[in-house]
N, C-alpha and C. Protein backbone atom coordinates (compact mmCIF):
# COMPACT_ATOMS: atom_id res chain seq x y z
N MET A 1 78.83 -59.56 -28.70
CA MET A 1 79.47 -58.27 -28.51
C MET A 1 78.86 -57.59 -27.28
N PRO A 2 79.69 -57.10 -26.37
CA PRO A 2 79.15 -56.53 -25.14
C PRO A 2 78.42 -55.20 -25.36
N LEU A 3 77.52 -54.92 -24.45
CA LEU A 3 76.79 -53.65 -24.42
C LEU A 3 77.70 -52.62 -23.76
N ARG A 4 78.10 -51.60 -24.53
CA ARG A 4 79.05 -50.60 -24.04
C ARG A 4 78.29 -49.39 -23.49
N ILE A 5 78.62 -49.02 -22.24
CA ILE A 5 77.92 -47.94 -21.55
C ILE A 5 78.88 -46.78 -21.30
N PHE A 6 78.38 -45.56 -21.54
CA PHE A 6 79.10 -44.35 -21.15
C PHE A 6 78.24 -43.66 -20.09
N LEU A 7 78.87 -43.29 -18.97
CA LEU A 7 78.17 -42.73 -17.82
C LEU A 7 78.60 -41.29 -17.59
N VAL A 8 77.62 -40.40 -17.43
CA VAL A 8 77.90 -39.00 -17.07
C VAL A 8 77.28 -38.79 -15.69
N GLU A 9 78.13 -38.78 -14.66
CA GLU A 9 77.70 -38.70 -13.26
C GLU A 9 78.78 -38.01 -12.46
N ASP A 10 78.43 -36.95 -11.72
CA ASP A 10 79.44 -36.19 -11.00
C ASP A 10 79.70 -36.69 -9.59
N SER A 11 78.81 -37.45 -9.01
CA SER A 11 79.03 -37.98 -7.66
C SER A 11 79.94 -39.20 -7.73
N VAL A 12 81.10 -39.09 -7.09
CA VAL A 12 82.07 -40.20 -7.12
C VAL A 12 81.45 -41.45 -6.51
N ASP A 13 80.74 -41.30 -5.39
CA ASP A 13 80.15 -42.47 -4.73
C ASP A 13 79.11 -43.16 -5.62
N VAL A 14 78.23 -42.37 -6.22
CA VAL A 14 77.20 -42.94 -7.10
C VAL A 14 77.85 -43.58 -8.32
N ARG A 15 78.81 -42.87 -8.91
CA ARG A 15 79.49 -43.38 -10.10
C ARG A 15 80.20 -44.69 -9.80
N ASP A 16 80.95 -44.74 -8.70
CA ASP A 16 81.67 -45.96 -8.35
C ASP A 16 80.71 -47.13 -8.11
N LEU A 17 79.61 -46.85 -7.42
CA LEU A 17 78.62 -47.90 -7.16
C LEU A 17 78.01 -48.40 -8.47
N MET A 18 77.68 -47.48 -9.35
CA MET A 18 77.09 -47.87 -10.64
C MET A 18 78.06 -48.70 -11.46
N ILE A 19 79.29 -48.24 -11.56
CA ILE A 19 80.28 -48.98 -12.36
C ILE A 19 80.52 -50.36 -11.77
N GLU A 20 80.67 -50.43 -10.45
CA GLU A 20 80.91 -51.72 -9.81
C GLU A 20 79.73 -52.67 -9.99
N THR A 21 78.53 -52.19 -9.73
CA THR A 21 77.35 -53.04 -9.79
C THR A 21 76.97 -53.41 -11.22
N LEU A 22 76.95 -52.43 -12.10
CA LEU A 22 76.52 -52.70 -13.47
C LEU A 22 77.55 -53.50 -14.26
N SER A 23 78.82 -53.40 -13.88
CA SER A 23 79.87 -54.18 -14.55
C SER A 23 79.74 -55.67 -14.27
N GLU A 24 79.01 -56.01 -13.21
CA GLU A 24 78.80 -57.42 -12.87
C GLU A 24 77.76 -58.08 -13.78
N ILE A 25 77.03 -57.28 -14.55
CA ILE A 25 76.00 -57.82 -15.44
C ILE A 25 76.69 -58.47 -16.65
N PRO A 26 76.39 -59.73 -16.93
CA PRO A 26 76.99 -60.36 -18.11
C PRO A 26 76.62 -59.59 -19.38
N GLY A 27 77.61 -59.37 -20.22
CA GLY A 27 77.37 -58.68 -21.49
C GLY A 27 77.40 -57.17 -21.41
N VAL A 28 77.76 -56.61 -20.24
CA VAL A 28 77.79 -55.15 -20.06
C VAL A 28 79.21 -54.72 -19.69
N VAL A 29 79.73 -53.71 -20.39
CA VAL A 29 81.04 -53.13 -20.06
C VAL A 29 80.92 -51.60 -20.08
N PHE A 30 81.76 -50.95 -19.31
CA PHE A 30 81.78 -49.49 -19.31
C PHE A 30 82.80 -49.00 -20.31
N ALA A 31 82.34 -48.15 -21.23
CA ALA A 31 83.22 -47.55 -22.24
C ALA A 31 83.93 -46.33 -21.67
N GLY A 32 83.37 -45.75 -20.61
CA GLY A 32 83.98 -44.58 -20.00
C GLY A 32 82.98 -43.82 -19.17
N PHE A 33 83.48 -42.75 -18.55
CA PHE A 33 82.62 -41.90 -17.74
C PHE A 33 83.15 -40.48 -17.75
N SER A 34 82.30 -39.58 -17.33
CA SER A 34 82.66 -38.18 -17.20
C SER A 34 81.85 -37.60 -16.07
N GLU A 35 82.37 -36.53 -15.45
CA GLU A 35 81.60 -35.90 -14.37
C GLU A 35 81.09 -34.52 -14.75
N GLY A 36 81.40 -34.05 -15.95
CA GLY A 36 80.94 -32.74 -16.37
C GLY A 36 80.57 -32.71 -17.84
N GLU A 37 79.86 -31.67 -18.23
CA GLU A 37 79.35 -31.55 -19.59
C GLU A 37 80.46 -31.43 -20.64
N SER A 38 81.42 -30.54 -20.43
CA SER A 38 82.48 -30.33 -21.44
C SER A 38 83.31 -31.59 -21.65
N ASP A 39 83.72 -32.21 -20.54
CA ASP A 39 84.51 -33.43 -20.62
C ASP A 39 83.71 -34.54 -21.31
N ALA A 40 82.42 -34.62 -20.99
CA ALA A 40 81.57 -35.64 -21.62
C ALA A 40 81.49 -35.43 -23.12
N LEU A 41 81.34 -34.19 -23.56
CA LEU A 41 81.26 -33.92 -25.01
C LEU A 41 82.51 -34.39 -25.73
N GLN A 42 83.68 -34.13 -25.14
CA GLN A 42 84.94 -34.55 -25.76
C GLN A 42 85.03 -36.07 -25.82
N LYS A 43 84.71 -36.73 -24.72
CA LYS A 43 84.83 -38.19 -24.67
C LYS A 43 83.79 -38.87 -25.56
N ILE A 44 82.58 -38.34 -25.56
CA ILE A 44 81.52 -38.93 -26.40
C ILE A 44 81.89 -38.82 -27.87
N ASP A 45 82.48 -37.70 -28.24
CA ASP A 45 82.89 -37.50 -29.64
C ASP A 45 84.02 -38.44 -30.05
N ALA A 46 84.84 -38.84 -29.07
CA ALA A 46 86.02 -39.65 -29.38
C ALA A 46 85.79 -41.16 -29.30
N ASP A 47 84.67 -41.59 -28.75
CA ASP A 47 84.47 -43.01 -28.52
C ASP A 47 83.10 -43.45 -29.03
N SER A 48 82.87 -44.73 -29.03
CA SER A 48 81.56 -45.25 -29.42
C SER A 48 81.03 -46.13 -28.29
N PHE A 49 79.73 -46.14 -28.14
CA PHE A 49 79.09 -46.91 -27.09
C PHE A 49 77.63 -47.11 -27.46
N ASP A 50 76.97 -47.99 -26.74
CA ASP A 50 75.58 -48.34 -27.04
C ASP A 50 74.57 -47.60 -26.18
N VAL A 51 74.96 -47.27 -24.94
CA VAL A 51 74.05 -46.66 -23.98
C VAL A 51 74.72 -45.46 -23.33
N LEU A 52 74.01 -44.34 -23.28
CA LEU A 52 74.45 -43.15 -22.57
C LEU A 52 73.55 -42.99 -21.36
N ILE A 53 74.14 -43.06 -20.16
CA ILE A 53 73.39 -42.83 -18.92
C ILE A 53 73.88 -41.52 -18.35
N LEU A 54 72.95 -40.61 -18.06
CA LEU A 54 73.40 -39.32 -17.55
C LEU A 54 72.50 -38.78 -16.46
N ASP A 55 73.14 -38.01 -15.60
CA ASP A 55 72.46 -37.26 -14.54
C ASP A 55 72.09 -35.90 -15.11
N ILE A 56 71.14 -35.23 -14.50
CA ILE A 56 70.77 -33.90 -14.96
C ILE A 56 71.70 -32.85 -14.34
N GLU A 57 71.89 -32.92 -13.02
CA GLU A 57 72.76 -31.95 -12.34
C GLU A 57 74.19 -32.47 -12.32
N LEU A 58 75.11 -31.67 -12.85
CA LEU A 58 76.52 -32.04 -12.91
C LEU A 58 77.36 -30.95 -12.27
N LYS A 59 78.61 -31.27 -11.92
CA LYS A 59 79.51 -30.25 -11.36
C LYS A 59 79.76 -29.13 -12.34
N GLN A 60 79.86 -29.48 -13.59
CA GLN A 60 80.07 -28.49 -14.66
C GLN A 60 79.03 -28.76 -15.73
N GLY A 61 78.18 -27.78 -15.99
CA GLY A 61 77.12 -27.95 -16.97
C GLY A 61 75.98 -28.77 -16.42
N ASN A 62 75.14 -29.29 -17.32
CA ASN A 62 74.04 -30.17 -16.89
C ASN A 62 73.67 -31.13 -18.01
N GLY A 63 72.99 -32.18 -17.63
CA GLY A 63 72.65 -33.23 -18.57
C GLY A 63 71.74 -32.78 -19.70
N MET A 64 70.81 -31.89 -19.42
CA MET A 64 69.91 -31.42 -20.47
C MET A 64 70.66 -30.59 -21.51
N SER A 65 71.56 -29.76 -21.06
CA SER A 65 72.38 -28.98 -21.99
C SER A 65 73.25 -29.91 -22.83
N LEU A 66 73.78 -30.94 -22.22
CA LEU A 66 74.58 -31.94 -22.94
C LEU A 66 73.73 -32.61 -24.03
N LEU A 67 72.52 -33.01 -23.68
CA LEU A 67 71.64 -33.63 -24.67
C LEU A 67 71.30 -32.67 -25.80
N ARG A 68 71.06 -31.41 -25.46
CA ARG A 68 70.74 -30.40 -26.48
C ARG A 68 71.91 -30.25 -27.45
N THR A 69 73.13 -30.16 -26.91
CA THR A 69 74.32 -30.03 -27.75
C THR A 69 74.50 -31.26 -28.64
N LEU A 70 74.32 -32.43 -28.06
CA LEU A 70 74.46 -33.67 -28.84
C LEU A 70 73.42 -33.75 -29.95
N SER A 71 72.22 -33.23 -29.70
CA SER A 71 71.16 -33.30 -30.72
C SER A 71 71.47 -32.40 -31.91
N LYS A 72 72.30 -31.39 -31.71
CA LYS A 72 72.65 -30.46 -32.79
C LYS A 72 73.98 -30.81 -33.46
N SER A 73 74.62 -31.87 -32.97
CA SER A 73 75.93 -32.26 -33.48
C SER A 73 75.84 -32.79 -34.90
N ALA A 74 76.91 -32.55 -35.66
CA ALA A 74 76.99 -33.08 -37.03
C ALA A 74 77.14 -34.60 -37.01
N LYS A 75 77.68 -35.12 -35.90
CA LYS A 75 77.86 -36.57 -35.75
C LYS A 75 76.70 -37.09 -34.89
N PRO A 76 75.71 -37.73 -35.49
CA PRO A 76 74.55 -38.17 -34.72
C PRO A 76 74.92 -39.22 -33.68
N LEU A 77 74.29 -39.12 -32.53
CA LEU A 77 74.50 -40.07 -31.44
C LEU A 77 73.33 -41.05 -31.45
N ASN A 78 73.59 -42.26 -31.90
CA ASN A 78 72.52 -43.25 -32.03
C ASN A 78 72.38 -44.14 -30.80
N SER A 79 73.11 -43.82 -29.74
CA SER A 79 73.06 -44.62 -28.53
C SER A 79 71.72 -44.46 -27.82
N LEU A 80 71.34 -45.48 -27.07
CA LEU A 80 70.17 -45.41 -26.21
C LEU A 80 70.48 -44.41 -25.10
N LYS A 81 69.60 -43.45 -24.89
CA LYS A 81 69.83 -42.41 -23.88
C LYS A 81 68.93 -42.66 -22.67
N ILE A 82 69.55 -42.66 -21.48
CA ILE A 82 68.85 -42.90 -20.23
C ILE A 82 69.21 -41.80 -19.24
N ILE A 83 68.21 -41.21 -18.60
CA ILE A 83 68.47 -40.27 -17.52
C ILE A 83 68.31 -41.03 -16.20
N PHE A 84 69.32 -40.90 -15.34
CA PHE A 84 69.31 -41.49 -14.00
C PHE A 84 69.61 -40.35 -13.05
N SER A 85 68.57 -39.81 -12.42
CA SER A 85 68.72 -38.56 -11.68
C SER A 85 67.70 -38.47 -10.55
N ASN A 86 67.96 -37.55 -9.63
CA ASN A 86 66.97 -37.23 -8.61
C ASN A 86 65.91 -36.29 -9.17
N ASN A 87 66.17 -35.70 -10.33
CA ASN A 87 65.27 -34.74 -10.96
C ASN A 87 64.55 -35.40 -12.13
N VAL A 88 63.48 -36.10 -11.84
CA VAL A 88 62.75 -36.80 -12.90
C VAL A 88 61.32 -36.26 -13.03
N SER A 89 61.18 -34.96 -12.86
CA SER A 89 59.86 -34.33 -12.96
C SER A 89 59.34 -34.45 -14.39
N SER A 90 58.05 -34.19 -14.55
CA SER A 90 57.45 -34.29 -15.89
C SER A 90 58.07 -33.28 -16.85
N ALA A 91 58.48 -32.11 -16.35
CA ALA A 91 59.13 -31.12 -17.22
C ALA A 91 60.46 -31.65 -17.76
N PHE A 92 61.25 -32.28 -16.89
CA PHE A 92 62.52 -32.86 -17.34
C PHE A 92 62.27 -34.04 -18.28
N ARG A 93 61.24 -34.81 -18.00
CA ARG A 93 60.91 -35.94 -18.87
C ARG A 93 60.56 -35.46 -20.28
N ARG A 94 59.71 -34.44 -20.35
CA ARG A 94 59.32 -33.91 -21.67
C ARG A 94 60.54 -33.36 -22.41
N ALA A 95 61.37 -32.61 -21.71
CA ALA A 95 62.57 -32.05 -22.34
C ALA A 95 63.49 -33.17 -22.82
N GLY A 96 63.70 -34.16 -21.98
CA GLY A 96 64.55 -35.28 -22.35
C GLY A 96 64.03 -36.04 -23.56
N GLU A 97 62.73 -36.24 -23.61
CA GLU A 97 62.13 -36.94 -24.74
C GLU A 97 62.38 -36.20 -26.05
N GLN A 98 62.42 -34.87 -26.00
CA GLN A 98 62.71 -34.08 -27.20
C GLN A 98 64.11 -34.38 -27.73
N TYR A 99 65.00 -34.79 -26.83
CA TYR A 99 66.39 -35.08 -27.22
C TYR A 99 66.66 -36.58 -27.33
N GLY A 100 65.60 -37.37 -27.39
CA GLY A 100 65.77 -38.80 -27.64
C GLY A 100 65.94 -39.68 -26.42
N VAL A 101 65.69 -39.17 -25.23
CA VAL A 101 65.80 -39.99 -24.02
C VAL A 101 64.64 -40.98 -24.01
N ARG A 102 64.98 -42.26 -23.86
CA ARG A 102 63.94 -43.31 -23.89
C ARG A 102 63.52 -43.76 -22.50
N PHE A 103 64.42 -43.63 -21.52
CA PHE A 103 64.11 -44.11 -20.16
C PHE A 103 64.56 -43.08 -19.14
N PHE A 104 63.75 -42.95 -18.08
CA PHE A 104 64.06 -42.07 -16.96
C PHE A 104 63.97 -42.91 -15.69
N PHE A 105 65.00 -42.85 -14.88
CA PHE A 105 65.00 -43.58 -13.62
C PHE A 105 65.37 -42.63 -12.49
N ASP A 106 64.64 -42.76 -11.38
CA ASP A 106 64.89 -41.95 -10.19
C ASP A 106 66.02 -42.60 -9.39
N LYS A 107 67.07 -41.83 -9.12
CA LYS A 107 68.21 -42.36 -8.37
C LYS A 107 67.81 -42.90 -7.01
N SER A 108 66.84 -42.23 -6.38
CA SER A 108 66.49 -42.58 -5.01
C SER A 108 65.71 -43.89 -4.90
N SER A 109 65.11 -44.36 -5.99
CA SER A 109 64.26 -45.54 -5.84
C SER A 109 64.27 -46.53 -7.01
N GLU A 110 64.96 -46.21 -8.11
CA GLU A 110 64.81 -47.07 -9.29
C GLU A 110 66.12 -47.64 -9.85
N PHE A 111 67.13 -47.77 -9.00
CA PHE A 111 68.39 -48.34 -9.47
C PHE A 111 68.18 -49.78 -9.95
N THR A 112 67.35 -50.54 -9.24
CA THR A 112 67.10 -51.92 -9.63
C THR A 112 66.45 -51.99 -11.01
N LYS A 113 65.54 -51.06 -11.31
CA LYS A 113 64.90 -51.03 -12.63
C LYS A 113 65.93 -50.74 -13.73
N LEU A 114 66.85 -49.82 -13.45
CA LEU A 114 67.93 -49.52 -14.40
C LEU A 114 68.79 -50.76 -14.61
N ARG A 115 69.16 -51.41 -13.53
CA ARG A 115 69.99 -52.61 -13.62
C ARG A 115 69.27 -53.69 -14.44
N ASP A 116 67.98 -53.89 -14.17
CA ASP A 116 67.21 -54.91 -14.90
C ASP A 116 67.15 -54.60 -16.40
N LEU A 117 66.96 -53.33 -16.74
CA LEU A 117 66.93 -52.95 -18.16
C LEU A 117 68.26 -53.26 -18.83
N LEU A 118 69.36 -52.88 -18.17
CA LEU A 118 70.68 -53.12 -18.76
C LEU A 118 70.99 -54.60 -18.84
N ALA A 119 70.53 -55.38 -17.87
CA ALA A 119 70.73 -56.83 -17.93
C ALA A 119 69.99 -57.41 -19.13
N ALA A 120 68.76 -56.94 -19.37
CA ALA A 120 67.99 -57.41 -20.52
C ALA A 120 68.67 -56.99 -21.82
N LEU A 121 69.14 -55.76 -21.89
CA LEU A 121 69.83 -55.29 -23.09
C LEU A 121 71.14 -56.04 -23.30
N GLY A 122 71.83 -56.34 -22.21
CA GLY A 122 73.10 -57.06 -22.30
C GLY A 122 72.95 -58.47 -22.83
N THR A 123 71.79 -59.07 -22.59
CA THR A 123 71.54 -60.41 -23.11
C THR A 123 70.82 -60.37 -24.45
N GLY A 124 70.54 -59.16 -24.91
CA GLY A 124 69.93 -59.00 -26.23
C GLY A 124 68.43 -59.24 -26.27
N LEU A 125 67.74 -59.15 -25.12
CA LEU A 125 66.30 -59.42 -25.12
C LEU A 125 65.48 -58.36 -25.83
N PRO A 126 65.38 -57.12 -25.28
CA PRO A 126 64.57 -56.13 -26.01
C PRO A 126 65.36 -55.45 -27.11
N ASP A 127 64.66 -54.91 -28.06
CA ASP A 127 65.30 -54.17 -29.14
C ASP A 127 65.52 -52.75 -28.68
N HIS A 128 66.75 -52.28 -28.72
CA HIS A 128 67.03 -50.90 -28.34
C HIS A 128 67.52 -50.18 -29.56
C-alpha cells in the first residue's frame, strides 16, 4: 500500500518541485495539497493520508495555527507530521512538537533529508 502524502505549501514553485520529485519515490503518492490553512482543514477532514508535510508561513493562515486546530479536532489526525519551512527555529520546533510534529526540515538546505525519509517510509523501513 503506498505512502499517501498531503502537502500544505503556498509557493507554487516549491509545491510543484516537491510533488514532481517526491512522486518519483517508489511507494509514495500525493493524496492532495493546499496552499492555505482554511482549505487545508477542509481537505484534511475529507481525506485520509499517512504523512502531513506543511510550511509554517502560508498565504492564508499559518502552519502552526493549522496544527493547533487539528490537535483540538474531534477527529484525531494520526498521520506523521513534518514541517518543511524556512522557519525552523527552536521556538517553532518546540511549538511543533507540542502538536505532534516528529520531523523538521529546513527548505533551504534539507530537501534531500526529507526525500530520504520519505523514501525509507515508502519502502516500509522505519516505523512511523
